[in-house]
C-alpha atoms as a PDB file:
ATOM      1  CA  MET A   1       8.089  13.099 -31.152  1.00  0.00           C
ATOM      2  CA  VAL A   2       9.504  12.085 -27.777  1.00  0.00           C
ATOM      3  CA  ARG A   3       8.668   8.522 -26.793  1.00  0.00           C
ATOM      4  CA  LYS A   4       7.654   7.953 -23.194  1.00  0.00           C
ATOM      5  CA  ASN A   5       7.442   4.568 -21.551  1.00  0.00           C
ATOM      6  CA  LYS A   6       6.689   3.423 -18.049  1.00  0.00           C
ATOM      7  CA  ILE A   7       7.692   0.516 -15.836  1.00  0.00           C
ATOM      8  CA  ALA A   8       7.145  -0.107 -12.124  1.00  0.00           C
ATOM      9  CA  PHE A   9       9.692  -1.281  -9.578  1.00  0.00           C
ATOM     10  CA  GLY A  10       9.359  -2.654  -6.079  1.00  0.00           C
ATOM     11  CA  GLY A  11      12.283  -3.375  -3.826  1.00  0.00           C
ATOM     12  CA  GLY A  12      12.875  -1.726  -0.524  1.00  0.00           C
ATOM     13  CA  CYS A  13      11.136   1.273   0.891  1.00  0.00           C
ATOM     14  CA  HIS A  14       9.436   3.344  -1.784  1.00  0.00           C
ATOM     15  CA  TRP A  15      11.149   6.483  -0.431  1.00  0.00           C
ATOM     16  CA  CYS A  16      14.488   4.949  -1.409  1.00  0.00           C
ATOM     17  CA  THR A  17      13.267   3.650  -4.747  1.00  0.00           C
ATOM     18  CA  GLU A  18      11.677   6.994  -5.577  1.00  0.00           C
ATOM     19  CA  ALA A  19      14.900   8.920  -4.829  1.00  0.00           C
ATOM     20  CA  VAL A  20      17.025   6.548  -6.915  1.00  0.00           C
ATOM     21  CA  PHE A  21      14.879   6.847 -10.026  1.00  0.00           C
ATOM     22  CA  GLN A  22      14.212  10.582  -9.615  1.00  0.00           C
ATOM     23  CA  SER A  23      17.958  11.152  -9.828  1.00  0.00           C
ATOM     24  CA  LEU A  24      18.362   9.594 -13.297  1.00  0.00           C
ATOM     25  CA  LYS A  25      18.631  11.313 -16.664  1.00  0.00           C
ATOM     26  CA  GLY A  26      15.748  10.352 -18.912  1.00  0.00           C
ATOM     27  CA  VAL A  27      13.303   9.751 -16.077  1.00  0.00           C
ATOM     28  CA  ASN A  28      10.454  12.225 -16.489  1.00  0.00           C
ATOM     29  CA  ARG A  29       8.352  11.343 -13.466  1.00  0.00           C
ATOM     30  CA  VAL A  30       8.263   8.877 -10.576  1.00  0.00           C
ATOM     31  CA  GLU A  31       4.976   7.980  -8.913  1.00  0.00           C
ATOM     32  CA  GLN A  32       5.462   6.669  -5.384  1.00  0.00           C
ATOM     33  CA  GLY A  33       2.964   4.310  -3.840  1.00  0.00           C
ATOM     34  CA  TYR A  34       1.794   0.731  -3.779  1.00  0.00           C
ATOM     35  CA  VAL A  35       1.557  -1.683  -6.718  1.00  0.00           C
ATOM     36  CA  ALA A  36      -0.336  -4.931  -7.069  1.00  0.00           C
ATOM     37  CA  SER A  37      -0.060  -7.644  -9.682  1.00  0.00           C
ATOM     38  CA  ILE A  38      -2.473 -10.513 -10.226  1.00  0.00           C
ATOM     39  CA  ASN A  39      -3.303 -13.870  -8.614  1.00  0.00           C
ATOM     40  CA  GLU A  40      -1.068 -14.704  -5.627  1.00  0.00           C
ATOM     41  CA  ASN A  41       0.729 -11.348  -6.052  1.00  0.00           C
ATOM     42  CA  SER A  42      -2.407  -9.204  -5.886  1.00  0.00           C
ATOM     43  CA  ALA A  43      -1.535  -7.769  -2.461  1.00  0.00           C
ATOM     44  CA  PHE A  44      -0.141  -4.245  -2.659  1.00  0.00           C
ATOM     45  CA  SER A  45       3.529  -3.688  -1.901  1.00  0.00           C
ATOM     46  CA  GLU A  46       5.643  -0.538  -1.850  1.00  0.00           C
ATOM     47  CA  ALA A  47       6.769   0.445  -5.334  1.00  0.00           C
ATOM     48  CA  VAL A  48       7.162   3.256  -7.847  1.00  0.00           C
ATOM     49  CA  ILE A  49       6.034   3.781 -11.413  1.00  0.00           C
ATOM     50  CA  VAL A  50       8.879   5.216 -13.478  1.00  0.00           C
ATOM     51  CA  HIS A  51       7.990   7.255 -16.570  1.00  0.00           C
ATOM     52  CA  TYR A  52      11.035   7.457 -18.806  1.00  0.00           C
ATOM     53  CA  ASN A  53      12.315   8.389 -22.235  1.00  0.00           C
ATOM     54  CA  PRO A  54      13.875   5.259 -23.814  1.00  0.00           C
ATOM     55  CA  GLU A  55      15.940   7.462 -26.131  1.00  0.00           C
ATOM     56  CA  ILE A  56      17.836   8.703 -23.055  1.00  0.00           C
ATOM     57  CA  ILE A  57      17.747   5.717 -20.688  1.00  0.00           C
ATOM     58  CA  SER A  58      17.033   2.127 -21.643  1.00  0.00           C
ATOM     59  CA  LEU A  59      14.861  -0.411 -19.882  1.00  0.00           C
ATOM     60  CA  GLN A  60      18.007  -2.513 -19.480  1.00  0.00           C
ATOM     61  CA  THR A  61      19.762   0.306 -17.608  1.00  0.00           C
ATOM     62  CA  LEU A  62      16.727   0.951 -15.404  1.00  0.00           C
ATOM     63  CA  ILE A  63      16.561  -2.731 -14.452  1.00  0.00           C
ATOM     64  CA  GLU A  64      20.306  -2.892 -13.816  1.00  0.00           C
ATOM     65  CA  ILE A  65      20.098   0.130 -11.509  1.00  0.00           C
ATOM     66  CA  HIS A  66      17.101  -1.369  -9.730  1.00  0.00           C
ATOM     67  CA  LEU A  67      18.944  -4.636  -9.089  1.00  0.00           C
ATOM     68  CA  HIS A  68      21.958  -2.834  -7.641  1.00  0.00           C
ATOM     69  CA  THR A  69      20.047  -0.390  -5.422  1.00  0.00           C
ATOM     70  CA  HIS A  70      17.969  -2.777  -3.341  1.00  0.00           C
ATOM     71  CA  LYS A  71      18.459  -6.222  -1.817  1.00  0.00           C
ATOM     72  CA  SER A  72      17.640  -8.112  -5.008  1.00  0.00           C
ATOM     73  CA  THR A  73      19.180 -11.347  -3.723  1.00  0.00           C
ATOM     74  CA  SER A  74      17.780 -11.284  -0.186  1.00  0.00           C
ATOM     75  CA  ALA A  75      14.597 -13.158   0.724  1.00  0.00           C
ATOM     76  CA  HIS A  76      14.060 -11.333   4.021  1.00  0.00           C
ATOM     77  CA  SER A  77      10.914 -11.530   6.146  1.00  0.00           C
ATOM     78  CA  MET A  78       9.454  -8.254   4.846  1.00  0.00           C
ATOM     79  CA  ARG A  79       9.205  -9.357   1.195  1.00  0.00           C
ATOM     80  CA  GLU A  80       5.409  -9.136   1.154  1.00  0.00           C
ATOM     81  CA  LYS A  81       5.595  -5.413   1.977  1.00  0.00           C
ATOM     82  CA  TYR A  82       8.791  -4.887  -0.027  1.00  0.00           C
ATOM     83  CA  ARG A  83       8.411  -7.266  -2.972  1.00  0.00           C
ATOM     84  CA  SER A  84      11.528  -7.382  -5.183  1.00  0.00           C
ATOM     85  CA  ALA A  85       9.737  -6.855  -8.452  1.00  0.00           C
ATOM     86  CA  ILE A  86       9.518  -5.411 -11.921  1.00  0.00           C
ATOM     87  CA  TYR A  87       5.930  -4.677 -12.918  1.00  0.00           C
ATOM     88  CA  THR A  88       5.296  -4.527 -16.643  1.00  0.00           C
ATOM     89  CA  PHE A  89       2.559  -2.843 -18.663  1.00  0.00           C
ATOM     90  CA  SER A  90       2.484  -5.152 -21.707  1.00  0.00           C
ATOM     91  CA  GLU A  91       3.321  -8.700 -22.699  1.00  0.00           C
ATOM     92  CA  LYS A  92       6.191  -7.431 -24.871  1.00  0.00           C
ATOM     93  CA  GLN A  93       7.650  -5.464 -21.950  1.00  0.00           C
ATOM     94  CA  TYR A  94       7.153  -8.489 -19.673  1.00  0.00           C
ATOM     95  CA  ASN A  95       9.138 -10.759 -21.996  1.00  0.00           C
ATOM     96  CA  HIS A  96      11.860  -8.145 -22.464  1.00  0.00           C
ATOM     97  CA  ALA A  97      12.197  -7.656 -18.688  1.00  0.00           C
ATOM     98  CA  ILE A  98      12.471 -11.444 -18.136  1.00  0.00           C
ATOM     99  CA  GLN A  99      15.273 -11.597 -20.710  1.00  0.00           C
ATOM    100  CA  ILE A 100      17.123  -8.623 -19.193  1.00  0.00           C
ATOM    101  CA  LEU A 101      16.791 -10.045 -15.692  1.00  0.00           C
ATOM    102  CA  SER A 102      18.315 -13.375 -16.731  1.00  0.00           C
ATOM    103  CA  GLU A 103      21.217 -11.571 -18.438  1.00  0.00           C
ATOM    104  CA  PHE A 104      22.095  -9.741 -15.204  1.00  0.00           C
ATOM    105  CA  GLN A 105      22.178 -12.870 -13.015  1.00  0.00           C
ATOM    106  CA  SER A 106      25.886 -13.343 -13.812  1.00  0.00           C
ATOM    107  CA  GLU A 107      26.703  -9.998 -12.139  1.00  0.00           C
ATOM    108  CA  PHE A 108      25.522 -11.275  -8.759  1.00  0.00           C
ATOM    109  CA  LYS A 109      27.123 -13.844  -6.480  1.00  0.00           C
ATOM    110  CA  ASN A 110      23.745 -14.995  -5.118  1.00  0.00           C
ATOM    111  CA  LYS A 111      20.584 -15.849  -7.020  1.00  0.00           C
ATOM    112  CA  LEU A 112      18.370 -12.894  -7.883  1.00  0.00           C
ATOM    113  CA  ILE A 113      14.969 -13.130  -6.236  1.00  0.00           C
ATOM    114  CA  THR A 114      13.548 -10.237  -8.254  1.00  0.00           C
ATOM    115  CA  ARG A 115      10.522 -11.335 -10.272  1.00  0.00           C
ATOM    116  CA  VAL A 116       8.690  -9.882 -13.229  1.00  0.00           C
ATOM    117  CA  TYR A 117       4.935  -9.474 -12.800  1.00  0.00           C
ATOM    118  CA  PRO A 118       2.161  -7.966 -14.873  1.00  0.00           C
ATOM    119  CA  PHE A 119       1.061  -4.617 -13.480  1.00  0.00           C
ATOM    120  CA  SER A 120      -2.504  -4.628 -12.190  1.00  0.00           C
ATOM    121  CA  GLU A 121      -3.206  -1.680  -9.899  1.00  0.00           C
ATOM    122  CA  PHE A 122      -1.576   1.349  -8.274  1.00  0.00           C
ATOM    123  CA  LYS A 123      -2.418   3.372  -5.172  1.00  0.00           C
ATOM    124  CA  ALA A 124      -0.438   6.586  -4.713  1.00  0.00           C
ATOM    125  CA  SER A 125       1.190   7.375  -1.380  1.00  0.00           C
ATOM    126  CA  ARG A 126      -0.309  10.223   0.565  1.00  0.00           C
ATOM    127  CA  GLU A 127       0.997  13.613  -0.571  1.00  0.00           C
ATOM    128  CA  ALA A 128       2.909  14.235   2.679  1.00  0.00           C
ATOM    129  CA  ILE A 129       5.406  11.435   1.955  1.00  0.00           C
ATOM    130  CA  GLN A 130       5.757  11.837  -1.816  1.00  0.00           C
ATOM    131  CA  ASN A 131       9.115  13.257  -2.936  1.00  0.00           C
ATOM    132  CA  TYR A 132      10.339  12.274   0.501  1.00  0.00           C
ATOM    133  CA  TYR A 133      14.068  12.611  -0.126  1.00  0.00           C
ATOM    134  CA  LYS A 134      13.712  15.895  -1.985  1.00  0.00           C
ATOM    135  CA  LYS A 135      11.742  17.337   0.958  1.00  0.00           C
ATOM    136  CA  ASN A 136      13.847  15.755   3.755  1.00  0.00           C
ATOM    137  CA  PRO A 137      17.457  15.120   2.645  1.00  0.00           C
ATOM    138  CA  ASP A 138      18.846  15.758   6.135  1.00  0.00           C
ATOM    139  CA  LYS A 139      16.508  13.373   7.964  1.00  0.00           C
ATOM    140  CA  PRO A 140      18.306  10.420   9.602  1.00  0.00           C
ATOM    141  CA  PHE A 141      16.413   7.922   7.392  1.00  0.00           C
ATOM    142  CA  CYS A 142      17.649   9.656   4.245  1.00  0.00           C
ATOM    143  CA  GLU A 143      21.209   9.899   5.486  1.00  0.00           C
ATOM    144  CA  ARG A 144      21.265   6.252   6.557  1.00  0.00           C
ATOM    145  CA  PHE A 145      19.388   4.541   3.716  1.00  0.00           C
ATOM    146  CA  ILE A 146      19.029   6.808   0.680  1.00  0.00           C
ATOM    147  CA  ASN A 147      22.398   8.577   0.586  1.00  0.00           C
ATOM    148  CA  PRO A 148      24.337   5.287   0.238  1.00  0.00           C
ATOM    149  CA  LYS A 149      22.140   4.352  -2.754  1.00  0.00           C
ATOM    150  CA  LEU A 150      22.794   7.730  -4.377  1.00  0.00           C
ATOM    151  CA  GLU A 151      26.522   7.293  -3.721  1.00  0.00           C
ATOM    152  CA  LEU A 152      26.355   3.920  -5.454  1.00  0.00           C
ATOM    153  CA  LEU A 153      24.667   5.602  -8.429  1.00  0.00           C
ATOM    154  CA  LEU A 154      27.386   8.234  -8.618  1.00  0.00           C
ATOM    155  CA  ASN A 155      30.102   5.574  -8.472  1.00  0.00           C
ATOM    156  CA  LYS A 156      28.641   2.839 -10.681  1.00  0.00           C
ATOM    157  CA  PHE A 157      26.191   4.680 -12.976  1.00  0.00           C
ATOM    158  CA  ASN A 158      27.726   8.162 -13.110  1.00  0.00           C
ATOM    159  CA  ASN A 159      26.768   8.829 -16.744  1.00  0.00           C
ATOM    160  CA  GLN A 160      23.098   8.149 -15.990  1.00  0.00           C
ATOM    161  CA  VAL A 161      22.837  10.444 -12.966  1.00  0.00           C
ATOM    162  CA  ASN A 162      21.266  13.875 -13.080  1.00  0.00           C
ATOM    163  CA  LYS A 163      23.806  15.493 -10.793  1.00  0.00           C
ATOM    164  CA  ASP A 164      21.652  18.628 -10.455  1.00  0.00           C
ATOM    165  CA  TYR A 165      19.065  16.504  -8.643  1.00  0.00           C
ATOM    166  CA  ILE A 166      21.546  15.022  -6.175  1.00  0.00           C
ATOM    167  CA  ILE A 167      23.509  18.221  -5.610  1.00  0.00           C
ATOM    168  CA  SER A 168      20.419  20.421  -5.220  1.00  0.00           C
ATOM    169  CA  THR A 169      19.005  18.319  -2.373  1.00  0.00           C
END
């Protein structure tokens, strides 16, 4: 029986985040939209839910890729809309993500601002902007913002990349 897990990530624009995770081996589906947590983090921010097979790609690898493909050390003015976050679906996953996040701090010169939050709610993006990169690879936004992230994946995480996804776009 194939195990399937899910985790949600917020960082930059959800078009970018969606394209990054769609291009990985072991990722079965990416839901693009807006995620909310609880308490002071209950406002929705752009994010994706990543459904993955942990026998092919680990939570540790997904988090590492997330940290390297958005500004995980930058506390810019748009952080309410683009929260640097990992949203978890269980207490066990929450604790595991906290541990993984602390282990990756040494790979970064500046302090990681990415936080782990419990997942609360999801609102999907409108259909017209879902699978944005796949539908619009030649748009200036994709060329300027998404292509460099996919290049980084090919250079740093080559074994995890589904090259058919990147090449077919």
